[in-house]
Amino acid sequence: MEILRCPLCRAELSLRVERKEGEEIIAGMLTCTGCRTTFPIADGIPDLLPPGDRD
């Protein structure tokens, strides 16, 4: 988490964990502390694409 930054404005990201297996975060949400954009975490992988570019 220390090195992750918002790809849009470079602010820090806060983490909300929805599901965890051991130390691995399986599902959750990253939220930018600057622009407030949210990035989902699914199957252990954060989707850091801008919201308009996601499937």
Protein backbone atom coordinates (compact mmCIF):
# COMPACT_ATOMS: atom_id res chain seq x y z
CA MET A 1 0.00 0.00 0.00
CA GLU A 2 2.91 2.37 0.59
CA ILE A 3 3.86 2.46 -3.09
CA LEU A 4 0.37 2.40 -4.65
CA ARG A 5 -0.95 5.75 -5.83
CA CYS A 6 -4.03 6.89 -7.73
CA PRO A 7 -3.31 6.62 -11.46
CA LEU A 8 -5.39 9.76 -12.07
CA CYS A 9 -4.07 12.29 -9.53
CA ARG A 10 -1.20 10.40 -7.77
CA ALA A 11 -2.73 10.80 -4.28
CA GLU A 12 -2.64 7.97 -1.73
CA LEU A 13 -5.21 5.17 -1.82
CA SER A 14 -7.18 3.91 1.16
CA LEU A 15 -8.13 0.25 1.39
CA ARG A 16 -11.46 -1.37 2.32
CA VAL A 17 -11.22 -5.15 2.63
CA GLU A 18 -14.33 -7.19 1.84
CA ARG A 19 -12.76 -10.66 1.75
CA LYS A 20 -9.37 -11.94 2.82
CA GLU A 21 -7.67 -15.36 2.70
CA GLY A 22 -4.71 -15.43 5.06
CA GLU A 23 -2.73 -12.29 4.25
CA GLU A 24 -4.10 -11.98 0.69
CA ILE A 25 -6.91 -9.53 -0.04
CA ILE A 26 -9.33 -11.29 -2.39
CA ALA A 27 -12.04 -8.61 -2.68
CA GLY A 28 -12.31 -5.00 -1.67
CA MET A 29 -12.02 -1.42 -2.81
CA LEU A 30 -9.25 1.15 -3.14
CA THR A 31 -10.40 4.76 -2.80
CA CYS A 32 -8.30 7.77 -3.75
CA THR A 33 -7.83 10.19 -0.86
CA GLY A 34 -7.53 13.05 -3.38
CA CYS A 35 -10.05 12.74 -6.22
CA ARG A 36 -12.20 10.08 -4.42
CA THR A 37 -12.19 7.72 -7.44
CA THR A 38 -12.76 4.08 -6.45
CA PHE A 39 -10.92 1.06 -7.83
CA PRO A 40 -12.27 -2.46 -7.21
CA ILE A 41 -10.22 -5.44 -6.09
CA ALA A 42 -11.52 -8.74 -7.49
CA ASP A 43 -9.89 -12.17 -7.29
CA GLY A 44 -6.91 -10.54 -5.56
CA ILE A 45 -6.23 -8.12 -8.43
CA PRO A 46 -6.78 -4.35 -8.15
CA ASP A 47 -8.30 -2.75 -11.27
CA LEU A 48 -6.50 0.60 -11.50
CA LEU A 49 -7.98 1.56 -14.87
CA PRO A 50 -9.95 4.82 -14.95
CA PRO A 51 -13.69 4.11 -14.46
CA GLY A 52 -14.55 4.87 -18.11
CA ASP A 53 -11.99 2.34 -19.37
CA ARG A 54 -13.22 -0.68 -17.35
CA ASP A 55 -15.31 -3.50 -18.85
